[in-house]
Amino acid sequence: MNPQITQREPFAVLGVVTQVRQGFETPELFADIWKKFESRRQEIESLAIGAHYFGVNFPTDKEAVTDYLAGMMVAADAPILEGLEKRTVPSGQFAVFECPVEAIGESYQHIFTEWLPGATVRFNPTVPVFEEYPESRSQQPIRIHVPIRGDM
C-alpha cells in the first residue's frame, strides 16, 4: 500500500460532528455517525461543492479524542445550518492511500503502525486526517489523506 503525495488547498466541510475516543472506533460507531449525516444529507447537498463525502478527524484539546465531522465540501462563506457545523481543513501536503470502504480500519492500522514508522516523512498532527468518499457507494476506492511534513 504505497501512497500518492499531493498538496491540497484549504476547504470547508459542513456536516455533523461526533467526538471519538481513540481505541473506541468501531464500525457501529461510524455507521451511527453516517446515519446522522444521512438524516441531514439533502440540506447539506443543497450547499455542497461537488458530490464527494468527507470524514474529517479534527484534533481536540482532549488527549486521544477527535471531533469526527461527516459532511460535504461547501464554500467558505456557506451558511451554517442549525444543528450542523462547518469547519475548515487547512492546506497541506498529504500522503493519500486508496482502499475499499470495508478496509478502512485495516488501512488506518497499516498506515500508522507499518507505513509511517518507516517513511521518510513525518506525520503532521496540526492538520486533520480525512477520508474522501466517492459520490456512490458502488464506486471505489475511498481515499485516506494523512497530513505529512518532509519529502519522500
Protein backbone atom coordinates (compact mmCIF):
# COMPACT_ATOMS: atom_id res chain seq x y z
CA MET A 1 0.00 0.00 0.00
CA ASN A 2 2.01 2.94 -1.32
CA PRO A 3 0.59 6.45 -1.10
CA GLN A 4 0.42 9.20 -3.65
CA ILE A 5 1.77 12.51 -2.31
CA THR A 6 -0.40 15.54 -3.03
CA GLN A 7 -0.81 19.16 -1.97
CA ARG A 8 -4.33 20.35 -1.05
CA GLU A 9 -5.65 23.85 -0.65
CA PRO A 10 -7.86 24.67 2.34
CA PHE A 11 -11.53 23.69 2.07
CA ALA A 12 -14.63 23.90 4.24
CA VAL A 13 -16.80 20.92 5.23
CA LEU A 14 -20.37 21.18 6.52
CA GLY A 15 -21.87 18.27 8.42
CA VAL A 16 -22.45 16.51 11.71
CA VAL A 17 -19.77 16.23 14.42
CA THR A 18 -19.24 13.44 16.94
CA GLN A 19 -16.41 13.16 19.47
CA VAL A 20 -14.47 9.91 19.05
CA ARG A 21 -12.09 8.47 21.64
CA GLN A 22 -9.04 6.67 20.31
CA GLY A 23 -9.38 2.94 20.84
CA PHE A 24 -13.18 3.06 20.74
CA GLU A 25 -13.55 3.39 16.97
CA THR A 26 -15.93 0.66 15.83
CA PRO A 27 -17.82 0.06 12.60
CA GLU A 28 -21.05 0.54 14.58
CA LEU A 29 -19.94 3.95 15.84
CA PHE A 30 -19.18 5.18 12.34
CA ALA A 31 -22.40 3.66 10.98
CA ASP A 32 -24.29 5.75 13.58
CA ILE A 33 -22.34 8.90 12.65
CA TRP A 34 -23.10 8.44 8.95
CA LYS A 35 -26.79 7.75 9.77
CA LYS A 36 -26.87 11.17 11.47
CA PHE A 37 -25.30 12.68 8.36
CA GLU A 38 -27.80 10.87 6.13
CA SER A 39 -30.70 12.43 8.06
CA ARG A 40 -29.37 15.88 7.02
CA ARG A 41 -27.80 14.95 3.66
CA GLN A 42 -30.32 16.75 1.41
CA GLU A 43 -29.86 20.03 3.28
CA ILE A 44 -26.08 19.73 3.10
CA GLU A 45 -26.12 18.69 -0.58
CA SER A 46 -28.04 21.86 -1.42
CA LEU A 47 -24.95 23.85 -0.36
CA ALA A 48 -22.27 21.37 -1.44
CA ILE A 49 -19.46 21.85 -3.93
CA GLY A 50 -19.17 18.53 -5.71
CA ALA A 51 -20.70 15.22 -4.75
CA HIS A 52 -17.96 13.67 -2.62
CA TYR A 53 -18.37 13.00 1.10
CA PHE A 54 -15.74 13.68 3.74
CA GLY A 55 -15.00 12.18 7.15
CA VAL A 56 -12.58 14.55 8.89
CA ASN A 57 -10.77 13.84 12.19
CA PHE A 58 -10.21 17.26 13.77
CA PRO A 59 -7.84 17.29 16.77
CA THR A 60 -9.28 18.49 20.07
CA ASP A 61 -7.67 19.75 23.27
CA LYS A 62 -8.57 16.42 24.91
CA GLU A 63 -5.96 13.67 24.82
CA ALA A 64 -6.82 10.81 22.42
CA VAL A 65 -10.13 12.45 21.38
CA THR A 66 -11.00 13.81 17.94
CA ASP A 67 -14.05 15.53 16.51
CA TYR A 68 -15.16 13.43 13.54
CA LEU A 69 -17.06 15.57 11.03
CA ALA A 70 -19.12 13.63 8.46
CA GLY A 71 -20.08 16.03 5.69
CA MET A 72 -19.56 17.57 2.30
CA MET A 73 -17.37 20.34 0.92
CA VAL A 74 -19.02 23.77 0.85
CA ALA A 75 -17.95 27.31 0.03
CA ALA A 76 -16.09 29.11 2.82
CA ASP A 77 -18.97 31.58 3.09
CA ALA A 78 -21.76 28.95 3.03
CA PRO A 79 -24.33 29.41 5.79
CA ILE A 80 -24.17 27.12 8.81
CA LEU A 81 -27.50 25.36 9.15
CA GLU A 82 -28.87 24.82 12.66
CA GLY A 83 -27.57 21.63 14.23
CA LEU A 84 -24.64 21.35 11.80
CA GLU A 85 -21.03 22.50 11.95
CA LYS A 86 -18.75 23.96 9.31
CA ARG A 87 -15.02 23.60 9.73
CA THR A 88 -12.02 24.27 7.52
CA VAL A 89 -9.39 21.71 6.64
CA PRO A 90 -6.17 23.74 6.26
CA SER A 91 -3.89 23.41 3.27
CA GLY A 92 -1.13 20.88 3.47
CA GLN A 93 0.80 18.05 1.98
CA PHE A 94 -0.86 14.64 2.24
CA ALA A 95 0.01 11.01 1.70
CA VAL A 96 -3.11 9.61 0.01
CA PHE A 97 -3.95 5.93 0.41
CA GLU A 98 -6.70 4.16 -1.52
CA CYS A 99 -8.75 1.30 -0.13
CA PRO A 100 -12.22 -0.23 -0.33
CA VAL A 101 -14.65 1.14 2.25
CA GLU A 102 -14.76 -2.17 4.11
CA ALA A 103 -10.99 -2.00 4.68
CA ILE A 104 -10.81 1.45 6.30
CA GLY A 105 -9.87 0.14 9.76
CA GLU A 106 -7.20 -2.20 8.42
CA SER A 107 -5.85 0.57 6.21
CA TYR A 108 -5.52 3.01 9.13
CA GLN A 109 -3.78 0.27 11.12
CA HIS A 110 -1.31 -0.31 8.28
CA ILE A 111 -0.68 3.41 7.69
CA PHE A 112 0.07 4.30 11.32
CA THR A 113 1.81 1.12 12.51
CA GLU A 114 3.69 -0.02 9.42
CA TRP A 115 3.98 2.65 6.73
CA LEU A 116 4.51 5.82 8.77
CA PRO A 117 7.27 4.48 11.09
CA GLY A 118 9.36 3.52 8.04
CA ALA A 119 8.52 6.54 5.87
CA THR A 120 10.91 9.37 5.10
CA VAL A 121 8.18 11.86 6.04
CA ARG A 122 6.65 12.68 9.40
CA PHE A 123 3.02 12.87 10.41
CA ASN A 124 1.76 16.46 10.73
CA PRO A 125 -0.57 16.46 13.78
CA THR A 126 -1.65 20.09 13.21
CA VAL A 127 -3.69 19.15 10.11
CA PRO A 128 -6.63 16.71 10.26
CA VAL A 129 -6.57 13.24 8.73
CA PHE A 130 -9.55 12.82 6.44
CA GLU A 131 -11.36 10.32 4.26
CA GLU A 132 -12.81 11.24 0.88
CA TYR A 133 -15.68 9.07 -0.28
CA PRO A 134 -16.93 8.88 -3.87
CA GLU A 135 -20.41 10.03 -4.82
CA SER A 136 -21.81 6.49 -4.88
CA ARG A 137 -21.12 3.58 -2.53
CA SER A 138 -20.68 1.35 -5.57
CA GLN A 139 -17.71 3.47 -6.64
CA GLN A 140 -14.35 2.53 -5.19
CA PRO A 141 -11.91 3.31 -3.73
CA ILE A 142 -12.10 5.73 -0.86
CA ARG A 143 -9.06 7.91 -0.22
CA ILE A 144 -7.47 8.37 3.20
CA HIS A 145 -5.50 11.64 3.38
CA VAL A 146 -2.73 11.63 6.01
CA PRO A 147 -1.06 15.02 6.58
CA ILE A 148 2.71 14.88 6.35
CA ARG A 149 5.84 17.02 6.67
CA GLY A 150 9.05 16.48 4.70
CA ASP A 151 9.84 14.95 1.35
CA MET A 152 9.57 11.34 0.25
